Amino acid sequence: MSNHAAKRQAARAALAILCERWPLCFKLDDRKPLKVGTFADIVAALGDSAPPRHVIGAALRAYTQPPAYLGSMVIGAARIDLDGTPAGIVTEAEAVDAKARLEAQTMKAKQAKTVRKEVVAPPATSTQPKRDGFEALRAAARARRARQQAGQ
Protein backbone atom coordinates (compact mmCIF):
# COMPACT_ATOMS: atom_id res chain seq x y z
CA MET A 1 0.00 0.00 0.00
CA SER A 2 1.36 3.40 -0.96
CA ASN A 3 1.99 6.15 1.57
CA HIS A 4 -0.82 8.23 0.05
CA ALA A 5 -3.27 5.34 0.31
CA ALA A 6 -2.22 4.70 3.92
CA LYS A 7 -2.82 8.35 4.82
CA ARG A 8 -6.22 8.31 3.14
CA GLN A 9 -7.15 5.12 4.99
CA ALA A 10 -6.06 6.66 8.32
CA ALA A 11 -8.17 9.76 7.61
CA ARG A 12 -11.20 7.59 6.82
CA ALA A 13 -10.69 5.61 10.02
CA ALA A 14 -10.44 8.83 12.04
CA LEU A 15 -13.57 10.18 10.35
CA ALA A 16 -15.40 6.98 11.27
CA ILE A 17 -14.36 7.56 14.89
CA LEU A 18 -15.66 11.15 14.74
CA CYS A 19 -18.97 9.98 13.27
CA GLU A 20 -19.33 7.36 15.98
CA ARG A 21 -18.31 9.66 18.84
CA TRP A 22 -20.35 12.71 17.73
CA PRO A 23 -23.23 11.45 15.56
CA LEU A 24 -25.19 14.72 15.91
CA CYS A 25 -22.28 16.65 14.42
CA PHE A 26 -20.74 14.30 11.86
CA LYS A 27 -23.45 12.95 9.57
CA LEU A 28 -22.14 11.73 6.24
CA ASP A 29 -25.60 11.76 4.66
CA ASP A 30 -26.57 15.24 5.95
CA ARG A 31 -23.50 17.44 6.30
CA LYS A 32 -23.93 20.72 8.16
CA PRO A 33 -21.39 23.54 8.50
CA LEU A 34 -19.11 22.92 11.45
CA LYS A 35 -18.33 25.45 14.14
CA VAL A 36 -15.14 27.43 13.61
CA GLY A 37 -12.63 25.80 15.97
CA THR A 38 -13.99 22.26 15.73
CA PHE A 39 -10.45 20.91 15.33
CA ALA A 40 -9.40 22.31 18.71
CA ASP A 41 -12.63 21.04 20.31
CA ILE A 42 -11.92 17.51 19.02
CA VAL A 43 -8.33 17.52 20.25
CA ALA A 44 -9.43 18.78 23.67
CA ALA A 45 -12.30 16.28 23.94
CA LEU A 46 -10.23 13.26 22.94
CA GLY A 47 -7.21 14.24 25.03
CA ASP A 48 -4.49 11.60 25.13
CA SER A 49 -6.59 9.12 23.15
CA ALA A 50 -6.68 11.46 20.16
CA PRO A 51 -5.13 10.31 16.91
CA PRO A 52 -2.19 12.41 15.69
CA ARG A 53 -3.17 16.00 14.84
CA HIS A 54 -2.43 15.55 11.15
CA VAL A 55 -4.83 12.59 11.01
CA ILE A 56 -7.59 14.62 12.67
CA GLY A 57 -6.95 17.41 10.16
CA ALA A 58 -7.13 14.95 7.27
CA ALA A 59 -10.40 13.54 8.64
CA LEU A 60 -11.88 17.03 8.88
CA ARG A 61 -10.77 17.79 5.32
CA ALA A 62 -12.39 14.55 4.17
CA TYR A 63 -15.61 15.69 5.85
CA THR A 64 -15.56 19.32 4.68
CA GLN A 65 -14.29 19.02 1.09
CA PRO A 66 -17.08 17.01 -0.63
CA PRO A 67 -19.74 18.90 -2.62
CA ALA A 68 -22.42 18.02 -0.04
CA TYR A 69 -20.60 19.99 2.66
CA LEU A 70 -19.58 22.87 0.41
CA GLY A 71 -23.18 23.14 -0.80
CA SER A 72 -24.38 23.51 2.79
CA MET A 73 -22.16 26.56 3.27
CA VAL A 74 -24.68 29.27 2.42
CA ILE A 75 -24.90 32.75 3.96
CA GLY A 76 -26.61 32.62 7.33
CA ALA A 77 -26.62 28.82 7.67
CA ALA A 78 -26.21 27.64 11.26
CA ARG A 79 -22.86 26.14 12.18
CA ILE A 80 -22.96 23.28 14.69
CA ASP A 81 -20.65 22.19 17.47
CA LEU A 82 -19.74 18.63 18.44
CA ASP A 83 -23.07 18.17 20.24
CA GLY A 84 -25.05 19.29 17.19
CA THR A 85 -26.17 22.58 18.75
CA PRO A 86 -25.95 25.87 16.82
CA ALA A 87 -22.62 27.64 17.30
CA GLY A 88 -22.42 30.54 14.88
CA ILE A 89 -23.44 31.19 11.32
CA VAL A 90 -21.79 31.03 7.90
CA THR A 91 -20.58 34.49 6.86
CA GLU A 92 -20.78 35.91 3.36
CA ALA A 93 -17.02 35.52 2.87
CA GLU A 94 -17.15 31.86 3.96
CA ALA A 95 -20.08 31.17 1.64
CA VAL A 96 -18.32 32.81 -1.31
CA ASP A 97 -15.17 30.79 -0.59
CA ALA A 98 -17.15 27.53 -0.39
CA LYS A 99 -18.94 28.33 -3.64
CA ALA A 100 -15.62 29.02 -5.38
CA ARG A 101 -14.14 25.74 -4.12
CA LEU A 102 -17.25 23.87 -5.27
CA GLU A 103 -17.05 25.44 -8.74
CA ALA A 104 -13.33 24.59 -8.95
CA GLN A 105 -14.08 20.96 -8.05
CA THR A 106 -16.83 20.84 -10.66
CA MET A 107 -14.56 22.31 -13.34
CA LYS A 108 -11.77 19.89 -12.45
CA ALA A 109 -14.16 16.93 -12.64
CA LYS A 110 -15.43 18.07 -16.05
CA GLN A 111 -11.87 18.41 -17.34
CA ALA A 112 -10.96 14.96 -16.05
CA LYS A 113 -14.05 13.49 -17.70
CA THR A 114 -13.15 15.17 -20.99
CA VAL A 115 -9.61 13.80 -20.82
CA ARG A 116 -10.93 10.29 -20.12
CA LYS A 117 -13.27 10.55 -23.11
CA GLU A 118 -10.41 11.67 -25.34
CA VAL A 119 -8.27 8.76 -24.21
CA VAL A 120 -11.03 6.16 -24.47
CA ALA A 121 -12.81 7.39 -27.61
CA PRO A 122 -11.47 6.13 -30.94
CA PRO A 123 -10.16 8.76 -33.33
CA ALA A 124 -12.74 10.28 -35.67
CA THR A 125 -10.72 9.34 -38.75
CA SER A 126 -8.92 6.04 -38.87
CA THR A 127 -5.29 6.01 -39.95
CA GLN A 128 -5.55 2.36 -40.96
CA PRO A 129 -6.15 1.64 -44.65
CA LYS A 130 -9.58 0.45 -45.65
CA ARG A 131 -9.79 -3.33 -45.80
CA ASP A 132 -10.83 -4.92 -49.05
CA GLY A 133 -13.68 -7.39 -49.26
CA PHE A 134 -13.39 -10.93 -50.61
CA GLU A 135 -14.30 -9.94 -54.16
CA ALA A 136 -11.50 -7.36 -54.26
CA LEU A 137 -9.04 -9.92 -52.89
CA ARG A 138 -10.09 -12.47 -55.52
CA ALA A 139 -9.67 -9.89 -58.28
CA ALA A 140 -6.20 -9.02 -56.99
CA ALA A 141 -5.25 -12.72 -56.92
CA ARG A 142 -6.49 -13.20 -60.51
CA ALA A 143 -4.51 -10.16 -61.65
CA ARG A 144 -1.36 -11.43 -59.89
CA ARG A 145 -1.73 -14.90 -61.51
CA ALA A 146 -2.23 -13.27 -64.89
CA ARG A 147 0.98 -11.23 -64.45
CA GLN A 148 2.89 -14.30 -63.36
CA GLN A 149 1.68 -16.33 -66.35
CA ALA A 150 2.48 -13.49 -68.74
CA GLY A 151 5.98 -13.24 -67.35
CA GLN A 152 6.80 -16.94 -67.84
C-alpha atoms as a PDB file:
ATOM      1  CA  MET A   1       0.000   0.000   0.000  1.00  0.00           C
ATOM      2  CA  SER A   2       1.362   3.397  -0.960  1.00  0.00           C
ATOM      3  CA  ASN A   3       1.990   6.148   1.571  1.00  0.00           C
ATOM      4  CA  HIS A   4      -0.821   8.231   0.048  1.00  0.00           C
ATOM      5  CA  ALA A   5      -3.270   5.339   0.309  1.00  0.00           C
ATOM      6  CA  ALA A   6      -2.218   4.703   3.922  1.00  0.00           C
ATOM      7  CA  LYS A   7      -2.817   8.354   4.817  1.00  0.00           C
ATOM      8  CA  ARG A   8      -6.217   8.307   3.140  1.00  0.00           C
ATOM      9  CA  GLN A   9      -7.147   5.117   4.987  1.00  0.00           C
ATOM     10  CA  ALA A  10      -6.058   6.662   8.319  1.00  0.00           C
ATOM     11  CA  ALA A  11      -8.174   9.759   7.607  1.00  0.00           C
ATOM     12  CA  ARG A  12     -11.204   7.592   6.816  1.00  0.00           C
ATOM     13  CA  ALA A  13     -10.690   5.607  10.016  1.00  0.00           C
ATOM     14  CA  ALA A  14     -10.441   8.831  12.042  1.00  0.00           C
ATOM     15  CA  LEU A  15     -13.573  10.184  10.346  1.00  0.00           C
ATOM     16  CA  ALA A  16     -15.403   6.979  11.269  1.00  0.00           C
ATOM     17  CA  ILE A  17     -14.362   7.556  14.893  1.00  0.00           C
ATOM     18  CA  LEU A  18     -15.656  11.151  14.745  1.00  0.00           C
ATOM     19  CA  CYS A  19     -18.968   9.982  13.272  1.00  0.00           C
ATOM     20  CA  GLU A  20     -19.326   7.358  15.980  1.00  0.00           C
ATOM     21  CA  ARG A  21     -18.312   9.656  18.842  1.00  0.00           C
ATOM     22  CA  TRP A  22     -20.348  12.705  17.732  1.00  0.00           C
ATOM     23  CA  PRO A  23     -23.228  11.452  15.561  1.00  0.00           C
ATOM     24  CA  LEU A  24     -25.186  14.715  15.910  1.00  0.00           C
ATOM     25  CA  CYS A  25     -22.278  16.652  14.416  1.00  0.00           C
ATOM     26  CA  PHE A  26     -20.745  14.304  11.857  1.00  0.00           C
ATOM     27  CA  LYS A  27     -23.446  12.948   9.574  1.00  0.00           C
ATOM     28  CA  LEU A  28     -22.135  11.726   6.238  1.00  0.00           C
ATOM     29  CA  ASP A  29     -25.598  11.761   4.665  1.00  0.00           C
ATOM     30  CA  ASP A  30     -26.575  15.242   5.946  1.00  0.00           C
ATOM     31  CA  ARG A  31     -23.503  17.441   6.297  1.00  0.00           C
ATOM     32  CA  LYS A  32     -23.928  20.724   8.164  1.00  0.00           C
ATOM     33  CA  PRO A  33     -21.388  23.539   8.496  1.00  0.00           C
ATOM     34  CA  LEU A  34     -19.109  22.915  11.452  1.00  0.00           C
ATOM     35  CA  LYS A  35     -18.327  25.454  14.136  1.00  0.00           C
ATOM     36  CA  VAL A  36     -15.142  27.426  13.614  1.00  0.00           C
ATOM     37  CA  GLY A  37     -12.626  25.804  15.972  1.00  0.00           C
ATOM     38  CA  THR A  38     -13.991  22.261  15.731  1.00  0.00           C
ATOM     39  CA  PHE A  39     -10.451  20.911  15.330  1.00  0.00           C
ATOM     40  CA  ALA A  40      -9.399  22.312  18.711  1.00  0.00           C
ATOM     41  CA  ASP A  41     -12.628  21.035  20.307  1.00  0.00           C
ATOM     42  CA  ILE A  42     -11.924  17.511  19.022  1.00  0.00           C
ATOM     43  CA  VAL A  43      -8.326  17.525  20.249  1.00  0.00           C
ATOM     44  CA  ALA A  44      -9.432  18.777  23.672  1.00  0.00           C
ATOM     45  CA  ALA A  45     -12.303  16.278  23.941  1.00  0.00           C
ATOM     46  CA  LEU A  46     -10.226  13.257  22.943  1.00  0.00           C
ATOM     47  CA  GLY A  47      -7.211  14.241  25.034  1.00  0.00           C
ATOM     48  CA  ASP A  48      -4.490  11.601  25.133  1.00  0.00           C
ATOM     49  CA  SER A  49      -6.586   9.119  23.155  1.00  0.00           C
ATOM     50  CA  ALA A  50      -6.679  11.462  20.162  1.00  0.00           C
ATOM     51  CA  PRO A  51      -5.135  10.308  16.909  1.00  0.00           C
ATOM     52  CA  PRO A  52      -2.194  12.409  15.688  1.00  0.00           C
ATOM     53  CA  ARG A  53      -3.166  15.997  14.845  1.00  0.00           C
ATOM     54  CA  HIS A  54      -2.434  15.548  11.146  1.00  0.00           C
ATOM     55  CA  VAL A  55      -4.829  12.588  11.012  1.00  0.00           C
ATOM     56  CA  ILE A  56      -7.594  14.620  12.671  1.00  0.00           C
ATOM     57  CA  GLY A  57      -6.946  17.414  10.164  1.00  0.00           C
ATOM     58  CA  ALA A  58      -7.126  14.951   7.273  1.00  0.00           C
ATOM     59  CA  ALA A  59     -10.400  13.545   8.642  1.00  0.00           C
ATOM     60  CA  LEU A  60     -11.883  17.033   8.883  1.00  0.00           C
ATOM     61  CA  ARG A  61     -10.771  17.795   5.317  1.00  0.00           C
ATOM     62  CA  ALA A  62     -12.387  14.548   4.166  1.00  0.00           C
ATOM     63  CA  TYR A  63     -15.606  15.686   5.845  1.00  0.00           C
ATOM     64  CA  THR A  64     -15.560  19.317   4.680  1.00  0.00           C
ATOM     65  CA  GLN A  65     -14.292  19.016   1.086  1.00  0.00           C
ATOM     66  CA  PRO A  66     -17.084  17.009  -0.626  1.00  0.00           C
ATOM     67  CA  PRO A  67     -19.736  18.897  -2.623  1.00  0.00           C
ATOM     68  CA  ALA A  68     -22.418  18.016  -0.044  1.00  0.00           C
ATOM     69  CA  TYR A  69     -20.602  19.986   2.659  1.00  0.00           C
ATOM     70  CA  LEU A  70     -19.580  22.874   0.413  1.00  0.00           C
ATOM     71  CA  GLY A  71     -23.180  23.140  -0.796  1.00  0.00           C
ATOM     72  CA  SER A  72     -24.384  23.508   2.792  1.00  0.00           C
ATOM     73  CA  MET A  73     -22.158  26.558   3.275  1.00  0.00           C
ATOM     74  CA  VAL A  74     -24.681  29.274   2.423  1.00  0.00           C
ATOM     75  CA  ILE A  75     -24.898  32.748   3.956  1.00  0.00           C
ATOM     76  CA  GLY A  76     -26.606  32.620   7.333  1.00  0.00           C
ATOM     77  CA  ALA A  77     -26.621  28.821   7.668  1.00  0.00           C
ATOM     78  CA  ALA A  78     -26.205  27.642  11.258  1.00  0.00           C
ATOM     79  CA  ARG A  79     -22.860  26.142  12.178  1.00  0.00           C
ATOM     80  CA  ILE A  80     -22.961  23.283  14.687  1.00  0.00           C
ATOM     81  CA  ASP A  81     -20.652  22.191  17.471  1.00  0.00           C
ATOM     82  CA  LEU A  82     -19.743  18.628  18.437  1.00  0.00           C
ATOM     83  CA  ASP A  83     -23.065  18.167  20.245  1.00  0.00           C
ATOM     84  CA  GLY A  84     -25.051  19.288  17.193  1.00  0.00           C
ATOM     85  CA  THR A  85     -26.169  22.580  18.750  1.00  0.00           C
ATOM     86  CA  PRO A  86     -25.947  25.870  16.816  1.00  0.00           C
ATOM     87  CA  ALA A  87     -22.623  27.640  17.302  1.00  0.00           C
ATOM     88  CA  GLY A  88     -22.420  30.537  14.879  1.00  0.00           C
ATOM     89  CA  ILE A  89     -23.443  31.186  11.316  1.00  0.00           C
ATOM     90  CA  VAL A  90     -21.792  31.034   7.905  1.00  0.00           C
ATOM     91  CA  THR A  91     -20.584  34.494   6.862  1.00  0.00           C
ATOM     92  CA  GLU A  92     -20.779  35.911   3.358  1.00  0.00           C
ATOM     93  CA  ALA A  93     -17.022  35.517   2.865  1.00  0.00           C
ATOM     94  CA  GLU A  94     -17.146  31.861   3.957  1.00  0.00           C
ATOM     95  CA  ALA A  95     -20.083  31.172   1.643  1.00  0.00           C
ATOM     96  CA  VAL A  96     -18.322  32.810  -1.306  1.00  0.00           C
ATOM     97  CA  ASP A  97     -15.167  30.789  -0.592  1.00  0.00           C
ATOM     98  CA  ALA A  98     -17.147  27.528  -0.389  1.00  0.00           C
ATOM     99  CA  LYS A  99     -18.937  28.326  -3.644  1.00  0.00           C
ATOM    100  CA  ALA A 100     -15.617  29.024  -5.381  1.00  0.00           C
ATOM    101  CA  ARG A 101     -14.145  25.740  -4.123  1.00  0.00           C
ATOM    102  CA  LEU A 102     -17.255  23.869  -5.267  1.00  0.00           C
ATOM    103  CA  GLU A 103     -17.048  25.440  -8.739  1.00  0.00           C
ATOM    104  CA  ALA A 104     -13.332  24.594  -8.946  1.00  0.00           C
ATOM    105  CA  GLN A 105     -14.084  20.964  -8.053  1.00  0.00           C
ATOM    106  CA  THR A 106     -16.833  20.837 -10.662  1.00  0.00           C
ATOM    107  CA  MET A 107     -14.564  22.306 -13.336  1.00  0.00           C
ATOM    108  CA  LYS A 108     -11.765  19.895 -12.447  1.00  0.00           C
ATOM    109  CA  ALA A 109     -14.162  16.935 -12.636  1.00  0.00           C
ATOM    110  CA  LYS A 110     -15.430  18.071 -16.053  1.00  0.00           C
ATOM    111  CA  GLN A 111     -11.872  18.413 -17.336  1.00  0.00           C
ATOM    112  CA  ALA A 112     -10.956  14.958 -16.050  1.00  0.00           C
ATOM    113  CA  LYS A 113     -14.053  13.492 -17.697  1.00  0.00           C
ATOM    114  CA  THR A 114     -13.152  15.174 -20.992  1.00  0.00           C
ATOM    115  CA  VAL A 115      -9.605  13.804 -20.816  1.00  0.00           C
ATOM    116  CA  ARG A 116     -10.926  10.291 -20.116  1.00  0.00           C
ATOM    117  CA  LYS A 117     -13.273  10.547 -23.108  1.00  0.00           C
ATOM    118  CA  GLU A 118     -10.408  11.667 -25.343  1.00  0.00           C
ATOM    119  CA  VAL A 119      -8.271   8.757 -24.211  1.00  0.00           C
ATOM    120  CA  VAL A 120     -11.028   6.163 -24.474  1.00  0.00           C
ATOM    121  CA  ALA A 121     -12.808   7.392 -27.609  1.00  0.00           C
ATOM    122  CA  PRO A 122     -11.472   6.135 -30.944  1.00  0.00           C
ATOM    123  CA  PRO A 123     -10.160   8.755 -33.333  1.00  0.00           C
ATOM    124  CA  ALA A 124     -12.736  10.284 -35.668  1.00  0.00           C
ATOM    125  CA  THR A 125     -10.718   9.342 -38.751  1.00  0.00           C
ATOM    126  CA  SER A 126      -8.924   6.044 -38.874  1.00  0.00           C
ATOM    127  CA  THR A 127      -5.290   6.013 -39.947  1.00  0.00           C
ATOM    128  CA  GLN A 128      -5.546   2.365 -40.960  1.00  0.00           C
ATOM    129  CA  PRO A 129      -6.152   1.639 -44.655  1.00  0.00           C
ATOM    130  CA  LYS A 130      -9.575   0.449 -45.646  1.00  0.00           C
ATOM    131  CA  ARG A 131      -9.790  -3.329 -45.797  1.00  0.00           C
ATOM    132  CA  ASP A 132     -10.835  -4.915 -49.052  1.00  0.00           C
ATOM    133  CA  GLY A 133     -13.682  -7.393 -49.262  1.00  0.00           C
ATOM    134  CA  PHE A 134     -13.394 -10.932 -50.614  1.00  0.00           C
ATOM    135  CA  GLU A 135     -14.299  -9.937 -54.160  1.00  0.00           C
ATOM    136  CA  ALA A 136     -11.500  -7.357 -54.260  1.00  0.00           C
ATOM    137  CA  LEU A 137      -9.039  -9.921 -52.892  1.00  0.00           C
ATOM    138  CA  ARG A 138     -10.089 -12.472 -55.517  1.00  0.00           C
ATOM    139  CA  ALA A 139      -9.674  -9.890 -58.281  1.00  0.00           C
ATOM    140  CA  ALA A 140      -6.200  -9.016 -56.988  1.00  0.00           C
ATOM    141  CA  ALA A 141      -5.253 -12.722 -56.922  1.00  0.00           C
ATOM    142  CA  ARG A 142      -6.487 -13.198 -60.506  1.00  0.00           C
ATOM    143  CA  ALA A 143      -4.506 -10.157 -61.650  1.00  0.00           C
ATOM    144  CA  ARG A 144      -1.355 -11.435 -59.886  1.00  0.00           C
ATOM    145  CA  ARG A 145      -1.726 -14.897 -61.512  1.00  0.00           C
ATOM    146  CA  ALA A 146      -2.232 -13.275 -64.888  1.00  0.00           C
ATOM    147  CA  ARG A 147       0.976 -11.227 -64.447  1.00  0.00           C
ATOM    148  CA  GLN A 148       2.893 -14.301 -63.364  1.00  0.00           C
ATOM    149  CA  GLN A 149       1.678 -16.326 -66.348  1.00  0.00           C
ATOM    150  CA  ALA A 150       2.478 -13.487 -68.737  1.00  0.00           C
ATOM    151  CA  GLY A 151       5.984 -13.243 -67.346  1.00  0.00           C
ATOM    152  CA  GLN A 152       6.798 -16.940 -67.843  1.00  0.00           C
END
